Amino acid sequence: KYDAALKPLGVETLDHYTADWESSGHLYLTRIPGITVEQ
């Protein structure tokens, strides 16, 4: 649900499920391109 909503906006997320691995889905990390630590 998070991926479907956030990836199209350019929010960087981790790939939890691929052909090589399956995550335990512990944390949902996002990175916002271009923002500062303060932002």
PDB file of all heavy atoms in Angstrom:
ATOM      1  N   LYS A   1       0.832  -1.202   0.000  1.00  0.00           N
ATOM      2  CA  LYS A   1       0.000   0.000   0.000  1.00  0.00           C
ATOM      3  C   LYS A   1       0.872   1.259   0.000  1.00  0.00           C
ATOM      4  O   LYS A   1       0.615   2.217  -0.749  1.00  0.00           O
ATOM      5  CB  LYS A   1      -0.937   0.005   1.204  1.00  0.00           C
ATOM      6  CG  LYS A   1      -2.068  -1.018   1.146  1.00  0.00           C
ATOM      7  CD  LYS A   1      -2.899  -0.975   2.419  1.00  0.00           C
ATOM      8  CE  LYS A   1      -3.972  -2.047   2.428  1.00  0.00           C
ATOM      9  NZ  LYS A   1      -5.020  -1.822   1.419  1.00  0.00           N
ATOM     10  N   TYR A   2       1.901   1.272   0.845  1.00  0.00           N
ATOM     11  CA  TYR A   2       2.814   2.415   0.892  1.00  0.00           C
ATOM     12  C   TYR A   2       3.510   2.603  -0.457  1.00  0.00           C
ATOM     13  O   TYR A   2       3.597   3.717  -0.990  1.00  0.00           O
ATOM     14  CB  TYR A   2       3.863   2.199   1.980  1.00  0.00           C
ATOM     15  CG  TYR A   2       3.428   2.516   3.395  1.00  0.00           C
ATOM     16  CD1 TYR A   2       4.062   1.893   4.475  1.00  0.00           C
ATOM     17  CD2 TYR A   2       2.426   3.437   3.681  1.00  0.00           C
ATOM     18  CE1 TYR A   2       3.705   2.192   5.792  1.00  0.00           C
ATOM     19  CE2 TYR A   2       2.059   3.738   4.980  1.00  0.00           C
ATOM     20  CZ  TYR A   2       2.704   3.109   6.040  1.00  0.00           C
ATOM     21  OH  TYR A   2       2.350   3.403   7.328  1.00  0.00           O
ATOM     22  N   ASP A   3       4.032   1.510  -1.009  1.00  0.00           N
ATOM     23  CA  ASP A   3       4.754   1.586  -2.285  1.00  0.00           C
ATOM     24  C   ASP A   3       3.875   2.167  -3.390  1.00  0.00           C
ATOM     25  O   ASP A   3       4.304   3.034  -4.162  1.00  0.00           O
ATOM     26  CB  ASP A   3       5.243   0.197  -2.706  1.00  0.00           C
ATOM     27  CG  ASP A   3       6.497  -0.247  -1.981  1.00  0.00           C
ATOM     28  OD1 ASP A   3       7.105   0.578  -1.270  1.00  0.00           O
ATOM     29  OD2 ASP A   3       6.871  -1.435  -2.125  1.00  0.00           O
ATOM     30  N   ALA A   4       2.650   1.676  -3.460  1.00  0.00           N
ATOM     31  CA  ALA A   4       1.749   2.098  -4.528  1.00  0.00           C
ATOM     32  C   ALA A   4       1.443   3.589  -4.451  1.00  0.00           C
ATOM     33  O   ALA A   4       1.288   4.257  -5.485  1.00  0.00           O
ATOM     34  CB  ALA A   4       0.445   1.297  -4.463  1.00  0.00           C
ATOM     35  N   ALA A   5       1.402   4.126  -3.231  1.00  0.00           N
ATOM     36  CA  ALA A   5       1.062   5.540  -3.060  1.00  0.00           C
ATOM     37  C   ALA A   5       2.267   6.460  -3.173  1.00  0.00           C
ATOM     38  O   ALA A   5       2.159   7.576  -3.697  1.00  0.00           O
ATOM     39  CB  ALA A   5       0.396   5.739  -1.697  1.00  0.00           C
ATOM     40  N   LEU A   6       3.425   6.016  -2.724  1.00  0.00           N
ATOM     41  CA  LEU A   6       4.566   6.918  -2.572  1.00  0.00           C
ATOM     42  C   LEU A   6       5.571   6.865  -3.724  1.00  0.00           C
ATOM     43  O   LEU A   6       6.167   7.890  -4.082  1.00  0.00           O
ATOM     44  CB  LEU A   6       5.273   6.636  -1.254  1.00  0.00           C
ATOM     45  CG  LEU A   6       4.408   6.849   0.001  1.00  0.00           C
ATOM     46  CD1 LEU A   6       5.183   6.443   1.252  1.00  0.00           C
ATOM     47  CD2 LEU A   6       3.950   8.294   0.102  1.00  0.00           C
ATOM     48  N   LYS A   7       5.796   5.700  -4.289  1.00  0.00           N
ATOM     49  CA  LYS A   7       6.793   5.603  -5.360  1.00  0.00           C
ATOM     50  C   LYS A   7       6.473   6.499  -6.556  1.00  0.00           C
ATOM     51  O   LYS A   7       7.390   7.123  -7.127  1.00  0.00           O
ATOM     52  CB  LYS A   7       6.968   4.151  -5.790  1.00  0.00           C
ATOM     53  CG  LYS A   7       7.791   3.320  -4.811  1.00  0.00           C
ATOM     54  CD  LYS A   7       8.109   1.941  -5.358  1.00  0.00           C
ATOM     55  CE  LYS A   7       9.054   1.177  -4.435  1.00  0.00           C
ATOM     56  NZ  LYS A   7       9.430  -0.146  -4.975  1.00  0.00           N
ATOM     57  N   PRO A   8       5.207   6.603  -6.977  1.00  0.00           N
ATOM     58  CA  PRO A   8       4.913   7.490  -8.122  1.00  0.00           C
ATOM     59  C   PRO A   8       5.233   8.960  -7.871  1.00  0.00           C
ATOM     60  O   PRO A   8       5.393   9.724  -8.816  1.00  0.00           O
ATOM     61  CB  PRO A   8       3.402   7.292  -8.321  1.00  0.00           C
ATOM     62  CG  PRO A   8       3.109   5.944  -7.769  1.00  0.00           C
ATOM     63  CD  PRO A   8       4.022   5.812  -6.585  1.00  0.00           C
ATOM     64  N   LEU A   9       5.365   9.350  -6.600  1.00  0.00           N
ATOM     65  CA  LEU A   9       5.679  10.743  -6.266  1.00  0.00           C
ATOM     66  C   LEU A   9       7.177  11.023  -6.281  1.00  0.00           C
ATOM     67  O   LEU A   9       7.605  12.160  -6.078  1.00  0.00           O
ATOM     68  CB  LEU A   9       5.124  11.086  -4.879  1.00  0.00           C
ATOM     69  CG  LEU A   9       3.609  10.960  -4.681  1.00  0.00           C
ATOM     70  CD1 LEU A   9       3.237  11.324  -3.248  1.00  0.00           C
ATOM     71  CD2 LEU A   9       2.867  11.849  -5.673  1.00  0.00           C
ATOM     72  N   GLY A  10       7.985   9.974  -6.467  1.00  0.00           N
ATOM     73  CA  GLY A  10       9.436  10.144  -6.447  1.00  0.00           C
ATOM     74  C   GLY A  10      10.055   9.885  -5.098  1.00  0.00           C
ATOM     75  O   GLY A  10      11.263  10.088  -4.908  1.00  0.00           O
ATOM     76  N   VAL A  11       9.253   9.435  -4.132  1.00  0.00           N
ATOM     77  CA  VAL A  11       9.787   9.063  -2.829  1.00  0.00           C
ATOM     78  C   VAL A  11      10.606   7.786  -2.999  1.00  0.00           C
ATOM     79  O   VAL A  11      10.142   6.812  -3.607  1.00  0.00           O
ATOM     80  CB  VAL A  11       8.652   8.829  -1.808  1.00  0.00           C
ATOM     81  CG1 VAL A  11       9.207   8.325  -0.479  1.00  0.00           C
ATOM     82  CG2 VAL A  11       7.856  10.114  -1.600  1.00  0.00           C
ATOM     83  N   GLU A  12      11.832   7.794  -2.490  1.00  0.00           N
ATOM     84  CA  GLU A  12      12.706   6.626  -2.619  1.00  0.00           C
ATOM     85  C   GLU A  12      12.433   5.662  -1.474  1.00  0.00           C
ATOM     86  O   GLU A  12      12.422   6.050  -0.301  1.00  0.00           O
ATOM     87  CB  GLU A  12      14.168   7.061  -2.607  1.00  0.00           C
ATOM     88  CG  GLU A  12      14.544   7.951  -3.786  1.00  0.00           C
ATOM     89  CD  GLU A  12      15.971   8.447  -3.717  1.00  0.00           C
ATOM     90  OE1 GLU A  12      16.716   8.015  -2.802  1.00  0.00           O
ATOM     91  OE2 GLU A  12      16.357   9.278  -4.558  1.00  0.00           O
ATOM     92  N   THR A  13      12.190   4.407  -1.816  1.00  0.00           N
ATOM     93  CA  THR A  13      11.934   3.375  -0.807  1.00  0.00           C
ATOM     94  C   THR A  13      12.804   2.163  -1.095  1.00  0.00           C
ATOM     95  O   THR A  13      13.455   2.086  -2.149  1.00  0.00           O
ATOM     96  CB  THR A  13      10.450   2.967  -0.810  1.00  0.00           C
ATOM     97  OG1 THR A  13      10.144   2.312  -2.049  1.00  0.00           O
ATOM     98  CG2 THR A  13       9.536   4.173  -0.643  1.00  0.00           C
ATOM     99  N   LEU A  14      12.813   1.220  -0.180  1.00  0.00           N
ATOM    100  CA  LEU A  14      13.590  -0.003  -0.353  1.00  0.00           C
ATOM    101  C   LEU A  14      12.740  -1.072  -1.027  1.00  0.00           C
ATOM    102  O   LEU A  14      11.523  -1.101  -0.860  1.00  0.00           O
ATOM    103  CB  LEU A  14      14.077  -0.518   1.004  1.00  0.00           C
ATOM    104  CG  LEU A  14      14.915   0.455   1.840  1.00  0.00           C
ATOM    105  CD1 LEU A  14      15.266  -0.171   3.189  1.00  0.00           C
ATOM    106  CD2 LEU A  14      16.178   0.869   1.101  1.00  0.00           C
ATOM    107  N   ASP A  15      13.400  -1.955  -1.752  1.00  0.00           N
ATOM    108  CA  ASP A  15      12.709  -3.080  -2.385  1.00  0.00           C
ATOM    109  C   ASP A  15      12.683  -4.255  -1.402  1.00  0.00           C
ATOM    110  O   ASP A  15      13.696  -4.908  -1.177  1.00  0.00           O
ATOM    111  CB  ASP A  15      13.415  -3.488  -3.680  1.00  0.00           C
ATOM    112  CG  ASP A  15      13.288  -2.432  -4.762  1.00  0.00           C
ATOM    113  OD1 ASP A  15      12.222  -1.795  -4.831  1.00  0.00           O
ATOM    114  OD2 ASP A  15      14.255  -2.241  -5.521  1.00  0.00           O
ATOM    115  N   HIS A  16      11.510  -4.515  -0.851  1.00  0.00           N
ATOM    116  CA  HIS A  16      11.391  -5.568   0.161  1.00  0.00           C
ATOM    117  C   HIS A  16      11.203  -6.959  -0.435  1.00  0.00           C
ATOM    118  O   HIS A  16      11.555  -7.954   0.202  1.00  0.00           O
ATOM    119  CB  HIS A  16      10.216  -5.252   1.093  1.00  0.00           C
ATOM    120  CG  HIS A  16      10.531  -4.211   2.118  1.00  0.00           C
ATOM    121  ND1 HIS A  16      10.972  -4.518   3.389  1.00  0.00           N
ATOM    122  CD2 HIS A  16      10.486  -2.856   2.064  1.00  0.00           C
ATOM    123  CE1 HIS A  16      11.169  -3.409   4.069  1.00  0.00           C
ATOM    124  NE2 HIS A  16      10.886  -2.380   3.287  1.00  0.00           N
ATOM    125  N   TYR A  17      10.645  -7.023  -1.645  1.00  0.00           N
ATOM    126  CA  TYR A  17      10.310  -8.325  -2.224  1.00  0.00           C
ATOM    127  C   TYR A  17      10.762  -8.360  -3.679  1.00  0.00           C
ATOM    128  O   TYR A  17      10.270  -7.598  -4.507  1.00  0.00           O
ATOM    129  CB  TYR A  17       8.802  -8.581  -2.114  1.00  0.00           C
ATOM    130  CG  TYR A  17       8.282  -8.391  -0.702  1.00  0.00           C
ATOM    131  CD1 TYR A  17       7.686  -7.184  -0.321  1.00  0.00           C
ATOM    132  CD2 TYR A  17       8.423  -9.390   0.256  1.00  0.00           C
ATOM    133  CE1 TYR A  17       7.237  -6.992   0.973  1.00  0.00           C
ATOM    134  CE2 TYR A  17       7.982  -9.203   1.562  1.00  0.00           C
ATOM    135  CZ  TYR A  17       7.384  -7.997   1.915  1.00  0.00           C
ATOM    136  OH  TYR A  17       6.954  -7.798   3.205  1.00  0.00           O
ATOM    137  N   THR A  18      11.737  -9.231  -3.969  1.00  0.00           N
ATOM    138  CA  THR A  18      12.269  -9.359  -5.325  1.00  0.00           C
ATOM    139  C   THR A  18      12.444 -10.848  -5.631  1.00  0.00           C
ATOM    140  O   THR A  18      12.156 -11.713  -4.796  1.00  0.00           O
ATOM    141  CB  THR A  18      13.641  -8.662  -5.467  1.00  0.00           C
ATOM    142  OG1 THR A  18      14.637  -9.436  -4.790  1.00  0.00           O
ATOM    143  CG2 THR A  18      13.610  -7.245  -4.901  1.00  0.00           C
ATOM    144  N   ALA A  19      12.956 -11.141  -6.811  1.00  0.00           N
ATOM    145  CA  ALA A  19      13.214 -12.531  -7.193  1.00  0.00           C
ATOM    146  C   ALA A  19      14.327 -13.142  -6.350  1.00  0.00           C
ATOM    147  O   ALA A  19      14.400 -14.375  -6.199  1.00  0.00           O
ATOM    148  CB  ALA A  19      13.576 -12.600  -8.676  1.00  0.00           C
ATOM    149  N   ASP A  20      15.210 -12.310  -5.786  1.00  0.00           N
ATOM    150  CA  ASP A  20      16.359 -12.812  -5.027  1.00  0.00           C
ATOM    151  C   ASP A  20      16.117 -12.895  -3.529  1.00  0.00           C
ATOM    152  O   ASP A  20      16.759 -13.689  -2.847  1.00  0.00           O
ATOM    153  CB  ASP A  20      17.584 -11.930  -5.277  1.00  0.00           C
ATOM    154  CG  ASP A  20      18.108 -12.053  -6.696  1.00  0.00           C
ATOM    155  OD1 ASP A  20      18.024 -13.164  -7.250  1.00  0.00           O
ATOM    156  OD2 ASP A  20      18.582 -11.047  -7.243  1.00  0.00           O
ATOM    157  N   TRP A  21      15.239 -12.045  -3.012  1.00  0.00           N
ATOM    158  CA  TRP A  21      15.025 -12.053  -1.569  1.00  0.00           C
ATOM    159  C   TRP A  21      13.588 -11.724  -1.201  1.00  0.00           C
ATOM    160  O   TRP A  21      12.840 -11.155  -1.990  1.00  0.00           O
ATOM    161  CB  TRP A  21      15.976 -11.071  -0.874  1.00  0.00           C
ATOM    162  CG  TRP A  21      15.724  -9.623  -1.184  1.00  0.00           C
ATOM    163  CD1 TRP A  21      14.758  -8.813  -0.640  1.00  0.00           C
ATOM    164  CD2 TRP A  21      16.444  -8.802  -2.109  1.00  0.00           C
ATOM    165  NE1 TRP A  21      14.840  -7.545  -1.165  1.00  0.00           N
ATOM    166  CE2 TRP A  21      15.858  -7.511  -2.074  1.00  0.00           C
ATOM    167  CE3 TRP A  21      17.527  -9.031  -2.946  1.00  0.00           C
ATOM    168  CZ2 TRP A  21      16.332  -6.463  -2.854  1.00  0.00           C
ATOM    169  CZ3 TRP A  21      17.979  -7.986  -3.735  1.00  0.00           C
ATOM    170  CH2 TRP A  21      17.399  -6.723  -3.680  1.00  0.00           C
ATOM    171  N   GLU A  22      13.247 -12.114   0.016  1.00  0.00           N
ATOM    172  CA  GLU A  22      11.957 -11.787   0.602  1.00  0.00           C
ATOM    173  C   GLU A  22      12.217 -11.188   1.973  1.00  0.00           C
ATOM    174  O   GLU A  22      12.827 -11.825   2.838  1.00  0.00           O
ATOM    175  CB  GLU A  22      11.086 -13.038   0.711  1.00  0.00           C
ATOM    176  CG  GLU A  22       9.688 -12.782   1.226  1.00  0.00           C
ATOM    177  CD  GLU A  22       8.823 -14.020   1.202  1.00  0.00           C
ATOM    178  OE1 GLU A  22       9.061 -14.886   0.332  1.00  0.00           O
ATOM    179  OE2 GLU A  22       7.925 -14.138   2.054  1.00  0.00           O
ATOM    180  N   SER A  23      11.781  -9.971   2.177  1.00  0.00           N
ATOM    181  CA  SER A  23      12.016  -9.257   3.426  1.00  0.00           C
ATOM    182  C   SER A  23      11.084  -9.753   4.529  1.00  0.00           C
ATOM    183  O   SER A  23      10.034 -10.337   4.270  1.00  0.00           O
ATOM    184  CB  SER A  23      11.795  -7.762   3.188  1.00  0.00           C
ATOM    185  OG  SER A  23      11.766  -7.033   4.385  1.00  0.00           O
ATOM    186  N   SER A  24      11.467  -9.469   5.765  1.00  0.00           N
ATOM    187  CA  SER A  24      10.558  -9.686   6.892  1.00  0.00           C
ATOM    188  C   SER A  24       9.635  -8.481   7.065  1.00  0.00           C
ATOM    189  O   SER A  24       8.738  -8.504   7.911  1.00  0.00           O
ATOM    190  CB  SER A  24      11.356  -9.905   8.188  1.00  0.00           C
ATOM    191  OG  SER A  24      12.021  -8.702   8.559  1.00  0.00           O
ATOM    192  N   GLY A  25       9.867  -7.431   6.275  1.00  0.00           N
ATOM    193  CA  GLY A  25       9.016  -6.249   6.327  1.00  0.00           C
ATOM    194  C   GLY A  25       9.069  -5.535   7.664  1.00  0.00           C
ATOM    195  O   GLY A  25       8.045  -5.081   8.177  1.00  0.00           O
ATOM    196  N   HIS A  26      10.259  -5.389   8.213  1.00  0.00           N
ATOM    197  CA  HIS A  26      10.349  -4.813   9.550  1.00  0.00           C
ATOM    198  C   HIS A  26      10.178  -3.297   9.570  1.00  0.00           C
ATOM    199  O   HIS A  26       9.471  -2.761  10.433  1.00  0.00           O
ATOM    200  CB  HIS A  26      11.672  -5.184  10.213  1.00  0.00           C
ATOM    201  CG  HIS A  26      11.838  -4.578  11.568  1.00  0.00           C
ATOM    202  ND1 HIS A  26      10.909  -4.750  12.569  1.00  0.00           N
ATOM    203  CD2 HIS A  26      12.799  -3.775  12.097  1.00  0.00           C
ATOM    204  CE1 HIS A  26      11.294  -4.089  13.648  1.00  0.00           C
ATOM    205  NE2 HIS A  26      12.432  -3.489  13.384  1.00  0.00           N
ATOM    206  N   LEU A  27      10.849  -2.598   8.669  1.00  0.00           N
ATOM    207  CA  LEU A  27      10.794  -1.129   8.661  1.00  0.00           C
ATOM    208  C   LEU A  27      10.481  -0.618   7.263  1.00  0.00           C
ATOM    209  O   LEU A  27      10.922  -1.203   6.269  1.00  0.00           O
ATOM    210  CB  LEU A  27      12.137  -0.537   9.107  1.00  0.00           C
ATOM    211  CG  LEU A  27      12.576  -0.761  10.550  1.00  0.00           C
ATOM    212  CD1 LEU A  27      14.013  -0.272  10.739  1.00  0.00           C
ATOM    213  CD2 LEU A  27      11.638  -0.053  11.524  1.00  0.00           C
ATOM    214  N   TYR A  28       9.759   0.512   7.209  1.00  0.00           N
ATOM    215  CA  TYR A  28       9.493   1.150   5.923  1.00  0.00           C
ATOM    216  C   TYR A  28      10.245   2.474   5.876  1.00  0.00           C
ATOM    217  O   TYR A  28       9.783   3.504   6.361  1.00  0.00           O
ATOM    218  CB  TYR A  28       8.001   1.378   5.703  1.00  0.00           C
ATOM    219  CG  TYR A  28       7.691   1.728   4.263  1.00  0.00           C
ATOM    220  CD1 TYR A  28       7.566   0.729   3.299  1.00  0.00           C
ATOM    221  CD2 TYR A  28       7.559   3.055   3.858  1.00  0.00           C
ATOM    222  CE1 TYR A  28       7.312   1.051   1.972  1.00  0.00           C
ATOM    223  CE2 TYR A  28       7.302   3.379   2.536  1.00  0.00           C
ATOM    224  CZ  TYR A  28       7.182   2.377   1.595  1.00  0.00           C
ATOM    225  OH  TYR A  28       6.941   2.684   0.276  1.00  0.00           O
ATOM    226  N   LEU A  29      11.454   2.422   5.300  1.00  0.00           N
ATOM    227  CA  LEU A  29      12.300   3.598   5.168  1.00  0.00           C
ATOM    228  C   LEU A  29      11.960   4.346   3.886  1.00  0.00           C
ATOM    229  O   LEU A  29      11.766   3.733   2.836  1.00  0.00           O
ATOM    230  CB  LEU A  29      13.778   3.206   5.138  1.00  0.00           C
ATOM    231  CG  LEU A  29      14.471   2.911   6.466  1.00  0.00           C
ATOM    232  CD1 LEU A  29      13.948   1.632   7.097  1.00  0.00           C
ATOM    233  CD2 LEU A  29      15.988   2.805   6.272  1.00  0.00           C
ATOM    234  N   THR A  30      11.892   5.673   3.983  1.00  0.00           N
ATOM    235  CA  THR A  30      11.712   6.508   2.797  1.00  0.00           C
ATOM    236  C   THR A  30      12.812   7.560   2.764  1.00  0.00           C
ATOM    237  O   THR A  30      13.333   7.960   3.808  1.00  0.00           O
ATOM    238  CB  THR A  30      10.344   7.223   2.796  1.00  0.00           C
ATOM    239  OG1 THR A  30      10.330   8.244   3.808  1.00  0.00           O
ATOM    240  CG2 THR A  30       9.203   6.239   3.051  1.00  0.00           C
ATOM    241  N   ARG A  31      13.152   7.995   1.554  1.00  0.00           N
ATOM    242  CA  ARG A  31      14.070   9.114   1.388  1.00  0.00           C
ATOM    243  C   ARG A  31      13.409  10.133   0.476  1.00  0.00           C
ATOM    244  O   ARG A  31      12.837   9.774  -0.560  1.00  0.00           O
ATOM    245  CB  ARG A  31      15.406   8.663   0.811  1.00  0.00           C
ATOM    246  CG  ARG A  31      16.218   7.784   1.765  1.00  0.00           C
ATOM    247  CD  ARG A  31      17.566   7.440   1.174  1.00  0.00           C
ATOM    248  NE  ARG A  31      18.406   8.631   1.024  1.00  0.00           N
ATOM    249  CZ  ARG A  31      19.374   8.748   0.123  1.00  0.00           C
ATOM    250  NH1 ARG A  31      19.629   7.763  -0.723  1.00  0.00           N
ATOM    251  NH2 ARG A  31      20.103   9.849   0.056  1.00  0.00           N
ATOM    252  N   ILE A  32      13.500  11.389   0.881  1.00  0.00           N
ATOM    253  CA  ILE A  32      12.869  12.478   0.142  1.00  0.00           C
ATOM    254  C   ILE A  32      13.955  13.247  -0.604  1.00  0.00           C
ATOM    255  O   ILE A  32      14.735  13.987   0.007  1.00  0.00           O
ATOM    256  CB  ILE A  32      12.106  13.433   1.088  1.00  0.00           C
ATOM    257  CG1 ILE A  32      11.276  12.638   2.109  1.00  0.00           C
ATOM    258  CG2 ILE A  32      11.243  14.386   0.278  1.00  0.00           C
ATOM    259  CD1 ILE A  32      10.316  11.652   1.490  1.00  0.00           C
ATOM    260  N   PRO A  33      14.052  13.088  -1.916  1.00  0.00           N
ATOM    261  CA  PRO A  33      15.124  13.733  -2.681  1.00  0.00           C
ATOM    262  C   PRO A  33      15.131  15.250  -2.502  1.00  0.00           C
ATOM    263  O   PRO A  33      14.093  15.912  -2.546  1.00  0.00           O
ATOM    264  CB  PRO A  33      14.792  13.359  -4.132  1.00  0.00           C
ATOM    265  CG  PRO A  33      13.984  12.101  -4.022  1.00  0.00           C
ATOM    266  CD  PRO A  33      13.175  12.263  -2.772  1.00  0.00           C
ATOM    267  N   GLY A  34      16.334  15.773  -2.260  1.00  0.00           N
ATOM    268  CA  GLY A  34      16.519  17.220  -2.258  1.00  0.00           C
ATOM    269  C   GLY A  34      16.280  17.938  -0.947  1.00  0.00           C
ATOM    270  O   GLY A  34      16.572  19.130  -0.850  1.00  0.00           O
ATOM    271  N   ILE A  35      15.772  17.256   0.082  1.00  0.00           N
ATOM    272  CA  ILE A  35      15.514  17.968   1.334  1.00  0.00           C
ATOM    273  C   ILE A  35      16.756  17.950   2.223  1.00  0.00           C
ATOM    274  O   ILE A  35      17.640  17.108   2.083  1.00  0.00           O
ATOM    275  CB  ILE A  35      14.309  17.401   2.101  1.00  0.00           C
ATOM    276  CG1 ILE A  35      14.585  15.966   2.598  1.00  0.00           C
ATOM    277  CG2 ILE A  35      13.047  17.464   1.269  1.00  0.00           C
ATOM    278  CD1 ILE A  35      13.531  15.462   3.580  1.00  0.00           C
ATOM    279  N   THR A  36      16.801  18.891   3.160  1.00  0.00           N
ATOM    280  CA  THR A  36      17.899  18.994   4.112  1.00  0.00           C
ATOM    281  C   THR A  36      17.546  18.247   5.396  1.00  0.00           C
ATOM    282  O   THR A  36      16.398  17.824   5.594  1.00  0.00           O
ATOM    283  CB  THR A  36      18.172  20.462   4.462  1.00  0.00           C
ATOM    284  OG1 THR A  36      17.005  20.995   5.131  1.00  0.00           O
ATOM    285  CG2 THR A  36      18.470  21.280   3.214  1.00  0.00           C
ATOM    286  N   VAL A  37      18.533  18.119   6.268  1.00  0.00           N
ATOM    287  CA  VAL A  37      18.287  17.511   7.583  1.00  0.00           C
ATOM    288  C   VAL A  37      17.216  18.299   8.328  1.00  0.00           C
ATOM    289  O   VAL A  37      16.315  17.717   8.952  1.00  0.00           O
ATOM    290  CB  VAL A  37      19.588  17.460   8.404  1.00  0.00           C
ATOM    291  CG1 VAL A  37      19.294  17.051   9.851  1.00  0.00           C
ATOM    292  CG2 VAL A  37      20.593  16.496   7.778  1.00  0.00           C
ATOM    293  N   GLU A  38      17.304  19.614   8.257  1.00  0.00           N
ATOM    294  CA  GLU A  38      16.339  20.461   8.959  1.00  0.00           C
ATOM    295  C   GLU A  38      14.923  20.263   8.407  1.00  0.00           C
ATOM    296  O   GLU A  38      13.948  20.184   9.170  1.00  0.00           O
ATOM    297  CB  GLU A  38      16.745  21.928   8.856  1.00  0.00           C
ATOM    298  CG  GLU A  38      18.031  22.294   9.591  1.00  0.00           C
ATOM    299  CD  GLU A  38      19.290  21.798   8.901  1.00  0.00           C
ATOM    300  OE1 GLU A  38      19.254  21.544   7.666  1.00  0.00           O
ATOM    301  OE2 GLU A  38      20.318  21.642   9.594  1.00  0.00           O
ATOM    302  N   GLN A  39      14.814  20.159   7.103  1.00  0.00           N
ATOM    303  CA  GLN A  39      13.500  19.927   6.497  1.00  0.00           C
ATOM    304  C   GLN A  39      12.973  18.537   6.849  1.00  0.00           C
ATOM    305  O   GLN A  39      11.771  18.375   7.089  1.00  0.00           O
ATOM    306  CB  GLN A  39      13.601  20.097   4.974  1.00  0.00           C
ATOM    307  CG  GLN A  39      13.807  21.534   4.527  1.00  0.00           C
ATOM    308  CD  GLN A  39      14.056  21.645   3.038  1.00  0.00           C
ATOM    309  OE1 GLN A  39      14.775  20.834   2.449  1.00  0.00           O
ATOM    310  NE2 GLN A  39      13.475  22.661   2.409  1.00  0.00           N
TER     311      GLN A  39
END
